[in-house]
Amino acid sequence: MAVLKRIKASTLMETMVATVLIVVIFGVCSMVLNNMLKARAMNDTTPLRERLHELEYLHMSQQLQLPHHEELGKWEITLIPMERNGQGPLAVRALLKDSDHIVTQYLYHAEE
């Protein structure tokens, strides 16, 4: 009978420990990634910025009555002229209803 060569291999316990470690690391990584993507989606202000650009254009073309207030999804947008005649810069304030997140900007444009 031929002599069998002994092959080095891991035991069943070592294989189970390695499997558990891999599953735990995968679970933690997936939770971290999920939280990062959720935070990114909640803090995305792209639609708000686009609407503010539209409102700026409407104001410059004199199609917007000031002071102006509107709601965009969960955002409350308010435009207030900083000068009494309404021709100067605008203070724009957008407030997220569910939290204290506020986006403030000032719109300046050259008068013709």
PDB file of N, CA and C in Angstrom:
ATOM      1  N   MET A   1       0.835  -1.162   0.000  1.00  0.00           N
ATOM      2  CA  MET A   1       0.000   0.000   0.000  1.00  0.00           C
ATOM      3  C   MET A   1       0.889   1.236   0.000  1.00  0.00           C
ATOM      4  N   ALA A   2       0.492   2.191  -0.785  1.00  0.00           N
ATOM      5  CA  ALA A   2       1.284   3.410  -0.912  1.00  0.00           C
ATOM      6  C   ALA A   2       1.098   4.266   0.335  1.00  0.00           C
ATOM      7  N   VAL A   3       2.161   4.957   0.675  1.00  0.00           N
ATOM      8  CA  VAL A   3       2.113   5.837   1.838  1.00  0.00           C
ATOM      9  C   VAL A   3       1.407   7.136   1.434  1.00  0.00           C
ATOM     10  N   LEU A   4       0.383   7.503   2.195  1.00  0.00           N
ATOM     11  CA  LEU A   4      -0.370   8.721   1.902  1.00  0.00           C
ATOM     12  C   LEU A   4       0.401   9.930   2.398  1.00  0.00           C
ATOM     13  N   LYS A   5       0.443  10.951   1.581  1.00  0.00           N
ATOM     14  CA  LYS A   5       1.096  12.187   1.997  1.00  0.00           C
ATOM     15  C   LYS A   5       0.153  12.953   2.912  1.00  0.00           C
ATOM     16  N   ARG A   6       0.720  13.538   3.942  1.00  0.00           N
ATOM     17  CA  ARG A   6      -0.076  14.309   4.886  1.00  0.00           C
ATOM     18  C   ARG A   6      -0.182  15.744   4.359  1.00  0.00           C
ATOM     19  N   ILE A   7      -1.400  16.232   4.170  1.00  0.00           N
ATOM     20  CA  ILE A   7      -1.648  17.583   3.676  1.00  0.00           C
ATOM     21  C   ILE A   7      -2.016  18.448   4.871  1.00  0.00           C
ATOM     22  N   LYS A   8      -1.363  19.615   4.955  1.00  0.00           N
ATOM     23  CA  LYS A   8      -1.696  20.531   6.037  1.00  0.00           C
ATOM     24  C   LYS A   8      -3.036  21.188   5.723  1.00  0.00           C
ATOM     25  N   ALA A   9      -3.934  21.154   6.686  1.00  0.00           N
ATOM     26  CA  ALA A   9      -5.260  21.746   6.503  1.00  0.00           C
ATOM     27  C   ALA A   9      -5.721  22.326   7.831  1.00  0.00           C
ATOM     28  N   SER A  10      -6.726  23.164   7.740  1.00  0.00           N
ATOM     29  CA  SER A  10      -7.257  23.761   8.968  1.00  0.00           C
ATOM     30  C   SER A  10      -8.325  22.852   9.550  1.00  0.00           C
ATOM     31  N   THR A  11      -8.506  23.005  10.834  1.00  0.00           N
ATOM     32  CA  THR A  11      -9.516  22.195  11.495  1.00  0.00           C
ATOM     33  C   THR A  11     -10.888  22.840  11.285  1.00  0.00           C
ATOM     34  N   LEU A  12     -11.911  22.113  11.659  1.00  0.00           N
ATOM     35  CA  LEU A  12     -13.265  22.622  11.523  1.00  0.00           C
ATOM     36  C   LEU A  12     -13.469  23.864  12.391  1.00  0.00           C
ATOM     37  N   MET A  13     -12.906  23.868  13.595  1.00  0.00           N
ATOM     38  CA  MET A  13     -13.045  25.015  14.506  1.00  0.00           C
ATOM     39  C   MET A  13     -12.382  26.254  13.912  1.00  0.00           C
ATOM     40  N   GLU A  14     -11.225  26.143  13.339  1.00  0.00           N
ATOM     41  CA  GLU A  14     -10.544  27.286  12.719  1.00  0.00           C
ATOM     42  C   GLU A  14     -11.363  27.840  11.557  1.00  0.00           C
ATOM     43  N   THR A  15     -11.947  26.968  10.770  1.00  0.00           N
ATOM     44  CA  THR A  15     -12.766  27.392   9.645  1.00  0.00           C
ATOM     45  C   THR A  15     -14.021  28.129  10.127  1.00  0.00           C
ATOM     46  N   MET A  16     -14.647  27.650  11.191  1.00  0.00           N
ATOM     47  CA  MET A  16     -15.843  28.305  11.719  1.00  0.00           C
ATOM     48  C   MET A  16     -15.504  29.675  12.306  1.00  0.00           C
ATOM     49  N   VAL A  17     -14.379  29.783  13.013  1.00  0.00           N
ATOM     50  CA  VAL A  17     -13.969  31.071  13.578  1.00  0.00           C
ATOM     51  C   VAL A  17     -13.708  32.074  12.458  1.00  0.00           C
ATOM     52  N   ALA A  18     -13.028  31.663  11.421  1.00  0.00           N
ATOM     53  CA  ALA A  18     -12.742  32.552  10.295  1.00  0.00           C
ATOM     54  C   ALA A  18     -14.036  32.987   9.618  1.00  0.00           C
ATOM     55  N   THR A  19     -14.982  32.076   9.465  1.00  0.00           N
ATOM     56  CA  THR A  19     -16.267  32.412   8.852  1.00  0.00           C
ATOM     57  C   THR A  19     -17.033  33.421   9.689  1.00  0.00           C
ATOM     58  N   VAL A  20     -17.059  33.224  11.000  1.00  0.00           N
ATOM     59  CA  VAL A  20     -17.762  34.155  11.891  1.00  0.00           C
ATOM     60  C   VAL A  20     -17.115  35.533  11.822  1.00  0.00           C
ATOM     61  N   LEU A  21     -15.796  35.592  11.821  1.00  0.00           N
ATOM     62  CA  LEU A  21     -15.101  36.877  11.720  1.00  0.00           C
ATOM     63  C   LEU A  21     -15.439  37.602  10.419  1.00  0.00           C
ATOM     64  N   ILE A  22     -15.456  36.881   9.342  1.00  0.00           N
ATOM     65  CA  ILE A  22     -15.778  37.492   8.050  1.00  0.00           C
ATOM     66  C   ILE A  22     -17.214  38.007   8.044  1.00  0.00           C
ATOM     67  N   VAL A  23     -18.151  37.264   8.589  1.00  0.00           N
ATOM     68  CA  VAL A  23     -19.556  37.690   8.633  1.00  0.00           C
ATOM     69  C   VAL A  23     -19.711  38.929   9.513  1.00  0.00           C
ATOM     70  N   VAL A  24     -19.041  38.961  10.666  1.00  0.00           N
ATOM     71  CA  VAL A  24     -19.137  40.118  11.558  1.00  0.00           C
ATOM     72  C   VAL A  24     -18.556  41.357  10.898  1.00  0.00           C
ATOM     73  N   ILE A  25     -17.406  41.235  10.263  1.00  0.00           N
ATOM     74  CA  ILE A  25     -16.788  42.377   9.577  1.00  0.00           C
ATOM     75  C   ILE A  25     -17.679  42.854   8.444  1.00  0.00           C
ATOM     76  N   PHE A  26     -18.252  41.941   7.682  1.00  0.00           N
ATOM     77  CA  PHE A  26     -19.160  42.321   6.605  1.00  0.00           C
ATOM     78  C   PHE A  26     -20.386  43.046   7.158  1.00  0.00           C
ATOM     79  N   GLY A  27     -20.955  42.574   8.264  1.00  0.00           N
ATOM     80  CA  GLY A  27     -22.121  43.216   8.866  1.00  0.00           C
ATOM     81  C   GLY A  27     -21.820  44.627   9.332  1.00  0.00           C
ATOM     82  N   VAL A  28     -20.690  44.828   9.994  1.00  0.00           N
ATOM     83  CA  VAL A  28     -20.309  46.163  10.468  1.00  0.00           C
ATOM     84  C   VAL A  28     -20.081  47.098   9.282  1.00  0.00           C
ATOM     85  N   CYS A  29     -19.394  46.623   8.276  1.00  0.00           N
ATOM     86  CA  CYS A  29     -19.131  47.458   7.092  1.00  0.00           C
ATOM     87  C   CYS A  29     -20.424  47.844   6.375  1.00  0.00           C
ATOM     88  N   SER A  30     -21.363  46.919   6.285  1.00  0.00           N
ATOM     89  CA  SER A  30     -22.618  47.250   5.601  1.00  0.00           C
ATOM     90  C   SER A  30     -23.430  48.266   6.408  1.00  0.00           C
ATOM     91  N   MET A  31     -23.398  48.191   7.748  1.00  0.00           N
ATOM     92  CA  MET A  31     -24.112  49.184   8.556  1.00  0.00           C
ATOM     93  C   MET A  31     -23.476  50.568   8.426  1.00  0.00           C
ATOM     94  N   VAL A  32     -22.148  50.628   8.411  1.00  0.00           N
ATOM     95  CA  VAL A  32     -21.460  51.908   8.258  1.00  0.00           C
ATOM     96  C   VAL A  32     -21.769  52.513   6.891  1.00  0.00           C
ATOM     97  N   LEU A  33     -21.716  51.707   5.861  1.00  0.00           N
ATOM     98  CA  LEU A  33     -22.010  52.192   4.513  1.00  0.00           C
ATOM     99  C   LEU A  33     -23.457  52.660   4.400  1.00  0.00           C
ATOM    100  N   ASN A  34     -24.381  51.938   5.006  1.00  0.00           N
ATOM    101  CA  ASN A  34     -25.787  52.328   4.989  1.00  0.00           C
ATOM    102  C   ASN A  34     -25.986  53.678   5.683  1.00  0.00           C
ATOM    103  N   ASN A  35     -25.356  53.884   6.825  1.00  0.00           N
ATOM    104  CA  ASN A  35     -25.474  55.158   7.540  1.00  0.00           C
ATOM    105  C   ASN A  35     -24.873  56.309   6.733  1.00  0.00           C
ATOM    106  N   MET A  36     -23.758  56.058   6.072  1.00  0.00           N
ATOM    107  CA  MET A  36     -23.138  57.104   5.257  1.00  0.00           C
ATOM    108  C   MET A  36     -24.038  57.500   4.096  1.00  0.00           C
ATOM    109  N   LEU A  37     -24.620  56.533   3.413  1.00  0.00           N
ATOM    110  CA  LEU A  37     -25.494  56.829   2.278  1.00  0.00           C
ATOM    111  C   LEU A  37     -26.781  57.519   2.729  1.00  0.00           C
ATOM    112  N   LYS A  38     -27.308  57.122   3.870  1.00  0.00           N
ATOM    113  CA  LYS A  38     -28.519  57.751   4.395  1.00  0.00           C
ATOM    114  C   LYS A  38     -28.248  59.207   4.770  1.00  0.00           C
ATOM    115  N   ALA A  39     -27.114  59.471   5.416  1.00  0.00           N
ATOM    116  CA  ALA A  39     -26.762  60.841   5.776  1.00  0.00           C
ATOM    117  C   ALA A  39     -26.538  61.688   4.532  1.00  0.00           C
ATOM    118  N   ARG A  40     -25.930  61.121   3.535  1.00  0.00           N
ATOM    119  CA  ARG A  40     -25.693  61.847   2.279  1.00  0.00           C
ATOM    120  C   ARG A  40     -27.010  62.211   1.599  1.00  0.00           C
ATOM    121  N   ALA A  41     -27.956  61.285   1.600  1.00  0.00           N
ATOM    122  CA  ALA A  41     -29.254  61.549   0.969  1.00  0.00           C
ATOM    123  C   ALA A  41     -30.036  62.601   1.744  1.00  0.00           C
ATOM    124  N   MET A  42     -29.951  62.591   3.068  1.00  0.00           N
ATOM    125  CA  MET A  42     -30.698  63.557   3.862  1.00  0.00           C
ATOM    126  C   MET A  42     -30.108  64.961   3.760  1.00  0.00           C
ATOM    127  N   ASN A  43     -28.804  65.061   3.546  1.00  0.00           N
ATOM    128  CA  ASN A  43     -28.147  66.366   3.486  1.00  0.00           C
ATOM    129  C   ASN A  43     -27.996  66.891   2.068  1.00  0.00           C
ATOM    130  N   ASP A  44     -28.613  66.229   1.108  1.00  0.00           N
ATOM    131  CA  ASP A  44     -28.511  66.666  -0.280  1.00  0.00           C
ATOM    132  C   ASP A  44     -29.398  67.892  -0.496  1.00  0.00           C
ATOM    133  N   THR A  45     -28.765  69.008  -0.826  1.00  0.00           N
ATOM    134  CA  THR A  45     -29.511  70.251  -1.028  1.00  0.00           C
ATOM    135  C   THR A  45     -29.558  70.651  -2.503  1.00  0.00           C
ATOM    136  N   THR A  46     -29.319  69.705  -3.394  1.00  0.00           N
ATOM    137  CA  THR A  46     -29.316  70.023  -4.819  1.00  0.00           C
ATOM    138  C   THR A  46     -30.660  70.567  -5.314  1.00  0.00           C
ATOM    139  N   PRO A  47     -31.806  69.942  -4.999  1.00  0.00           N
ATOM    140  CA  PRO A  47     -33.084  70.522  -5.446  1.00  0.00           C
ATOM    141  C   PRO A  47     -33.328  71.915  -4.868  1.00  0.00           C
ATOM    142  N   LEU A  48     -32.901  72.117  -3.626  1.00  0.00           N
ATOM    143  CA  LEU A  48     -33.051  73.436  -3.005  1.00  0.00           C
ATOM    144  C   LEU A  48     -32.214  74.473  -3.740  1.00  0.00           C
ATOM    145  N   ARG A  49     -30.970  74.156  -4.023  1.00  0.00           N
ATOM    146  CA  ARG A  49     -30.092  75.098  -4.736  1.00  0.00           C
ATOM    147  C   ARG A  49     -30.646  75.422  -6.123  1.00  0.00           C
ATOM    148  N   GLU A  50     -31.179  74.415  -6.801  1.00  0.00           N
ATOM    149  CA  GLU A  50     -31.763  74.663  -8.125  1.00  0.00           C
ATOM    150  C   GLU A  50     -32.953  75.619  -8.023  1.00  0.00           C
ATOM    151  N   ARG A  51     -33.806  75.419  -7.018  1.00  0.00           N
ATOM    152  CA  ARG A  51     -34.963  76.308  -6.848  1.00  0.00           C
ATOM    153  C   ARG A  51     -34.527  77.719  -6.483  1.00  0.00           C
ATOM    154  N   LEU A  52     -33.472  77.860  -5.685  1.00  0.00           N
ATOM    155  CA  LEU A  52     -32.971  79.190  -5.340  1.00  0.00           C
ATOM    156  C   LEU A  52     -32.442  79.916  -6.571  1.00  0.00           C
ATOM    157  N   HIS A  53     -31.821  79.184  -7.484  1.00  0.00           N
ATOM    158  CA  HIS A  53     -31.368  79.796  -8.741  1.00  0.00           C
ATOM    159  C   HIS A  53     -32.562  80.248  -9.588  1.00  0.00           C
ATOM    160  N   GLU A  54     -33.628  79.426  -9.591  1.00  0.00           N
ATOM    161  CA  GLU A  54     -34.836  79.819 -10.322  1.00  0.00           C
ATOM    162  C   GLU A  54     -35.449  81.077  -9.719  1.00  0.00           C
ATOM    163  N   LEU A  55     -35.509  81.150  -8.397  1.00  0.00           N
ATOM    164  CA  LEU A  55     -36.073  82.327  -7.733  1.00  0.00           C
ATOM    165  C   LEU A  55     -35.223  83.565  -7.982  1.00  0.00           C
ATOM    166  N   GLU A  56     -33.915  83.388  -8.032  1.00  0.00           N
ATOM    167  CA  GLU A  56     -33.034  84.514  -8.346  1.00  0.00           C
ATOM    168  C   GLU A  56     -33.311  85.027  -9.756  1.00  0.00           C
ATOM    169  N   TYR A  57     -33.477  84.112 -10.696  1.00  0.00           N
ATOM    170  CA  TYR A  57     -33.781  84.515 -12.068  1.00  0.00           C
ATOM    171  C   TYR A  57     -35.128  85.233 -12.136  1.00  0.00           C
ATOM    172  N   LEU A  58     -36.134  84.700 -11.434  1.00  0.00           N
ATOM    173  CA  LEU A  58     -37.447  85.340 -11.432  1.00  0.00           C
ATOM    174  C   LEU A  58     -37.384  86.740 -10.825  1.00  0.00           C
ATOM    175  N   HIS A  59     -36.580  86.907  -9.805  1.00  0.00           N
ATOM    176  CA  HIS A  59     -36.438  88.233  -9.203  1.00  0.00           C
ATOM    177  C   HIS A  59     -35.734  89.200 -10.152  1.00  0.00           C
ATOM    178  N   MET A  60     -34.697  88.719 -10.819  1.00  0.00           N
ATOM    179  CA  MET A  60     -33.954  89.580 -11.745  1.00  0.00           C
ATOM    180  C   MET A  60     -34.827  89.990 -12.923  1.00  0.00           C
ATOM    181  N   SER A  61     -35.739  89.125 -13.344  1.00  0.00           N
ATOM    182  CA  SER A  61     -36.618  89.457 -14.462  1.00  0.00           C
ATOM    183  C   SER A  61     -37.928  90.089 -13.985  1.00  0.00           C
ATOM    184  N   GLN A  62     -37.979  90.447 -12.704  1.00  0.00           N
ATOM    185  CA  GLN A  62     -39.117  91.141 -12.093  1.00  0.00           C
ATOM    186  C   GLN A  62     -40.428  90.376 -12.243  1.00  0.00           C
ATOM    187  N   GLN A  63     -40.367  89.068 -12.093  1.00  0.00           N
ATOM    188  CA  GLN A  63     -41.554  88.225 -12.140  1.00  0.00           C
ATOM    189  C   GLN A  63     -41.904  87.672 -10.765  1.00  0.00           C
ATOM    190  N   LEU A  64     -41.253  88.203  -9.729  1.00  0.00           N
ATOM    191  CA  LEU A  64     -41.433  87.687  -8.385  1.00  0.00           C
ATOM    192  C   LEU A  64     -41.810  88.818  -7.452  1.00  0.00           C
ATOM    193  N   GLN A  65     -42.873  88.628  -6.708  1.00  0.00           N
ATOM    194  CA  GLN A  65     -43.334  89.633  -5.752  1.00  0.00           C
ATOM    195  C   GLN A  65     -42.631  89.400  -4.415  1.00  0.00           C
ATOM    196  N   LEU A  66     -42.059  90.449  -3.842  1.00  0.00           N
ATOM    197  CA  LEU A  66     -41.343  90.339  -2.573  1.00  0.00           C
ATOM    198  C   LEU A  66     -42.150  90.946  -1.448  1.00  0.00           C
ATOM    199  N   PRO A  67     -42.065  90.477  -0.239  1.00  0.00           N
ATOM    200  CA  PRO A  67     -41.365  89.278   0.216  1.00  0.00           C
ATOM    201  C   PRO A  67     -42.068  88.018  -0.294  1.00  0.00           C
ATOM    202  N   HIS A  68     -41.299  86.966  -0.455  1.00  0.00           N
ATOM    203  CA  HIS A  68     -41.804  85.736  -1.045  1.00  0.00           C
ATOM    204  C   HIS A  68     -41.592  84.590  -0.068  1.00  0.00           C
ATOM    205  N   HIS A  69     -42.602  83.725   0.055  1.00  0.00           N
ATOM    206  CA  HIS A  69     -42.505  82.542   0.918  1.00  0.00           C
ATOM    207  C   HIS A  69     -43.097  81.355   0.170  1.00  0.00           C
ATOM    208  N   GLU A  70     -42.391  80.232   0.214  1.00  0.00           N
ATOM    209  CA  GLU A  70     -42.903  79.020  -0.420  1.00  0.00           C
ATOM    210  C   GLU A  70     -42.335  77.805   0.274  1.00  0.00           C
ATOM    211  N   GLU A  71     -42.918  76.652  -0.023  1.00  0.00           N
ATOM    212  CA  GLU A  71     -42.433  75.389   0.512  1.00  0.00           C
ATOM    213  C   GLU A  71     -41.983  74.503  -0.641  1.00  0.00           C
ATOM    214  N   LEU A  72     -40.846  73.862  -0.453  1.00  0.00           N
ATOM    215  CA  LEU A  72     -40.292  72.937  -1.441  1.00  0.00           C
ATOM    216  C   LEU A  72     -39.990  71.635  -0.717  1.00  0.00           C
ATOM    217  N   GLY A  73     -40.899  70.689  -0.791  1.00  0.00           N
ATOM    218  CA  GLY A  73     -40.729  69.440  -0.051  1.00  0.00           C
ATOM    219  C   GLY A  73     -40.738  69.724   1.443  1.00  0.00           C
ATOM    220  N   LYS A  74     -39.631  69.423   2.108  1.00  0.00           N
ATOM    221  CA  LYS A  74     -39.518  69.673   3.542  1.00  0.00           C
ATOM    222  C   LYS A  74     -38.860  71.016   3.846  1.00  0.00           C
ATOM    223  N   TRP A  75     -38.597  71.816   2.825  1.00  0.00           N
ATOM    224  CA  TRP A  75     -37.925  73.102   3.009  1.00  0.00           C
ATOM    225  C   TRP A  75     -38.937  74.240   2.975  1.00  0.00           C
ATOM    226  N   GLU A  76     -38.749  75.222   3.846  1.00  0.00           N
ATOM    227  CA  GLU A  76     -39.507  76.473   3.807  1.00  0.00           C
ATOM    228  C   GLU A  76     -38.549  77.559   3.326  1.00  0.00           C
ATOM    229  N   ILE A  77     -38.864  78.169   2.187  1.00  0.00           N
ATOM    230  CA  ILE A  77     -37.990  79.170   1.575  1.00  0.00           C
ATOM    231  C   ILE A  77     -38.614  80.547   1.750  1.00  0.00           C
ATOM    232  N   THR A  78     -37.808  81.493   2.210  1.00  0.00           N
ATOM    233  CA  THR A  78     -38.267  82.864   2.400  1.00  0.00           C
ATOM    234  C   THR A  78     -37.269  83.808   1.737  1.00  0.00           C
ATOM    235  N   LEU A  79     -37.771  84.723   0.901  1.00  0.00           N
ATOM    236  CA  LEU A  79     -36.950  85.759   0.280  1.00  0.00           C
ATOM    237  C   LEU A  79     -37.417  87.104   0.799  1.00  0.00           C
ATOM    238  N   ILE A  80     -36.488  87.871   1.339  1.00  0.00           N
ATOM    239  CA  ILE A  80     -36.816  89.174   1.904  1.00  0.00           C
ATOM    240  C   ILE A  80     -35.834  90.195   1.345  1.00  0.00           C
ATOM    241  N   PRO A  81     -36.324  91.322   0.809  1.00  0.00           N
ATOM    242  CA  PRO A  81     -35.391  92.356   0.341  1.00  0.00           C
ATOM    243  C   PRO A  81     -34.713  93.016   1.544  1.00  0.00           C
ATOM    244  N   MET A  82     -33.434  93.327   1.386  1.00  0.00           N
ATOM    245  CA  MET A  82     -32.688  93.937   2.481  1.00  0.00           C
ATOM    246  C   MET A  82     -32.870  95.450   2.515  1.00  0.00           C
ATOM    247  N   GLU A  83     -33.378  96.033   1.436  1.00  0.00           N
ATOM    248  CA  GLU A  83     -33.646  97.470   1.385  1.00  0.00           C
ATOM    249  C   GLU A  83     -35.145  97.683   1.216  1.00  0.00           C
ATOM    250  N   ARG A  84     -35.627  98.795   1.689  1.00  0.00           N
ATOM    251  CA  ARG A  84     -37.080  99.053   1.664  1.00  0.00           C
ATOM    252  C   ARG A  84     -37.644  99.149   0.248  1.00  0.00           C
ATOM    253  N   ASN A  85     -36.867  99.660  -0.697  1.00  0.00           N
ATOM    254  CA  ASN A  85     -37.395  99.814  -2.051  1.00  0.00           C
ATOM    255  C   ASN A  85     -37.443  98.488  -2.813  1.00  0.00           C
ATOM    256  N   GLY A  86     -36.875  97.439  -2.257  1.00  0.00           N
ATOM    257  CA  GLY A  86     -36.928  96.120  -2.887  1.00  0.00           C
ATOM    258  C   GLY A  86     -35.974  95.947  -4.040  1.00  0.00           C
ATOM    259  N   GLN A  87     -35.083  96.897  -4.288  1.00  0.00           N
ATOM    260  CA  GLN A  87     -34.185  96.820  -5.436  1.00  0.00           C
ATOM    261  C   GLN A  87     -32.799  96.308  -5.070  1.00  0.00           C
ATOM    262  N   GLY A  88     -32.470  96.234  -3.806  1.00  0.00           N
ATOM    263  CA  GLY A  88     -31.135  95.835  -3.377  1.00  0.00           C
ATOM    264  C   GLY A  88     -30.980  94.326  -3.294  1.00  0.00           C
ATOM    265  N   PRO A  89     -30.025  93.900  -2.512  1.00  0.00           N
ATOM    266  CA  PRO A  89     -29.800  92.457  -2.364  1.00  0.00           C
ATOM    267  C   PRO A  89     -30.949  91.778  -1.628  1.00  0.00           C
ATOM    268  N   LEU A  90     -31.057  90.497  -1.851  1.00  0.00           N
ATOM    269  CA  LEU A  90     -32.086  89.686  -1.205  1.00  0.00           C
ATOM    270  C   LEU A  90     -31.452  88.794  -0.143  1.00  0.00           C
ATOM    271  N   ALA A  91     -32.140  88.642   0.967  1.00  0.00           N
ATOM    272  CA  ALA A  91     -31.750  87.652   1.967  1.00  0.00           C
ATOM    273  C   ALA A  91     -32.622  86.423   1.735  1.00  0.00           C
ATOM    274  N   VAL A  92     -32.000  85.306   1.493  1.00  0.00           N
ATOM    275  CA  VAL A  92     -32.711  84.068   1.227  1.00  0.00           C
ATOM    276  C   VAL A  92     -32.439  83.121   2.387  1.00  0.00           C
ATOM    277  N   ARG A  93     -33.524  82.606   2.962  1.00  0.00           N
ATOM    278  CA  ARG A  93     -33.391  81.698   4.091  1.00  0.00           C
ATOM    279  C   ARG A  93     -34.229  80.466   3.798  1.00  0.00           C
ATOM    280  N   ALA A  94     -33.605  79.290   3.875  1.00  0.00           N
ATOM    281  CA  ALA A  94     -34.310  78.026   3.680  1.00  0.00           C
ATOM    282  C   ALA A  94     -34.154  77.205   4.954  1.00  0.00           C
ATOM    283  N   LEU A  95     -35.274  76.794   5.527  1.00  0.00           N
ATOM    284  CA  LEU A  95     -35.299  76.063   6.789  1.00  0.00           C
ATOM    285  C   LEU A  95     -35.854  74.669   6.550  1.00  0.00           C
ATOM    286  N   LEU A  96     -35.133  73.658   7.006  1.00  0.00           N
ATOM    287  CA  LEU A  96     -35.603  72.277   6.922  1.00  0.00           C
ATOM    288  C   LEU A  96     -36.554  72.035   8.090  1.00  0.00           C
ATOM    289  N   LYS A  97     -37.777  71.620   7.797  1.00  0.00           N
ATOM    290  CA  LYS A  97     -38.822  71.516   8.818  1.00  0.00           C
ATOM    291  C   LYS A  97     -38.484  70.516   9.925  1.00  0.00           C
ATOM    292  N   ASP A  98     -37.927  69.370   9.583  1.00  0.00           N
ATOM    293  CA  ASP A  98     -37.705  68.301  10.552  1.00  0.00           C
ATOM    294  C   ASP A  98     -36.518  68.544  11.476  1.00  0.00           C
ATOM    295  N   SER A  99     -35.646  69.475  11.122  1.00  0.00           N
ATOM    296  CA  SER A  99     -34.453  69.713  11.937  1.00  0.00           C
ATOM    297  C   SER A  99     -34.161  71.204  11.977  1.00  0.00           C
ATOM    298  N   ASP A 100     -33.029  71.545  12.524  1.00  0.00           N
ATOM    299  CA  ASP A 100     -32.617  72.945  12.617  1.00  0.00           C
ATOM    300  C   ASP A 100     -31.665  73.336  11.492  1.00  0.00           C
ATOM    301  N   HIS A 101     -31.658  72.571  10.411  1.00  0.00           N
ATOM    302  CA  HIS A 101     -30.758  72.848   9.295  1.00  0.00           C
ATOM    303  C   HIS A 101     -31.263  74.081   8.537  1.00  0.00           C
ATOM    304  N   ILE A 102     -30.399  75.110   8.442  1.00  0.00           N
ATOM    305  CA  ILE A 102     -30.765  76.353   7.767  1.00  0.00           C
ATOM    306  C   ILE A 102     -29.740  76.653   6.686  1.00  0.00           C
ATOM    307  N   VAL A 103     -30.218  77.003   5.519  1.00  0.00           N
ATOM    308  CA  VAL A 103     -29.351  77.454   4.425  1.00  0.00           C
ATOM    309  C   VAL A 103     -29.663  78.932   4.213  1.00  0.00           C
ATOM    310  N   THR A 104     -28.647  79.779   4.359  1.00  0.00           N
ATOM    311  CA  THR A 104     -28.824  81.216   4.193  1.00  0.00           C
ATOM    312  C   THR A 104     -27.869  81.703   3.116  1.00  0.00           C
ATOM    313  N   GLN A 105     -28.373  82.543   2.236  1.00  0.00           N
ATOM    314  CA  GLN A 105     -27.498  83.158   1.243  1.00  0.00           C
ATOM    315  C   GLN A 105     -28.057  84.521   0.875  1.00  0.00           C
ATOM    316  N   TYR A 106     -27.200  85.325   0.311  1.00  0.00           N
ATOM    317  CA  TYR A 106     -27.578  86.669  -0.113  1.00  0.00           C
ATOM    318  C   TYR A 106     -27.384  86.760  -1.615  1.00  0.00           C
ATOM    319  N   LEU A 107     -28.392  87.272  -2.300  1.00  0.00           N
ATOM    320  CA  LEU A 107     -28.344  87.384  -3.749  1.00  0.00           C
ATOM    321  C   LEU A 107     -28.086  88.834  -4.124  1.00  0.00           C
ATOM    322  N   TYR A 108     -26.982  89.054  -4.794  1.00  0.00           N
ATOM    323  CA  TYR A 108     -26.637  90.376  -5.286  1.00  0.00           C
ATOM    324  C   TYR A 108     -26.670  90.331  -6.797  1.00  0.00           C
ATOM    325  N   HIS A 109     -27.210  91.341  -7.413  1.00  0.00           N
ATOM    326  CA  HIS A 109     -27.169  91.407  -8.879  1.00  0.00           C
ATOM    327  C   HIS A 109     -27.064  92.867  -9.279  1.00  0.00           C
ATOM    328  N   ALA A 110     -26.479  93.078 -10.440  1.00  0.00           N
ATOM    329  CA  ALA A 110     -26.287  94.428 -10.962  1.00  0.00           C
ATOM    330  C   ALA A 110     -27.605  94.943 -11.522  1.00  0.00           C
ATOM    331  N   GLU A 111     -27.932  96.147 -11.171  1.00  0.00           N
ATOM    332  CA  GLU A 111     -29.160  96.775 -11.686  1.00  0.00           C
ATOM    333  C   GLU A 111     -28.858  97.396 -13.053  1.00  0.00           C
ATOM    334  N   GLU A 112     -29.832  97.351 -13.932  1.00  0.00           N
ATOM    335  CA  GLU A 112     -29.645  97.952 -15.258  1.00  0.00           C
ATOM    336  C   GLU A 112     -30.240  99.329 -15.295  1.00  0.00           C
TER     337      GLU A 112
END
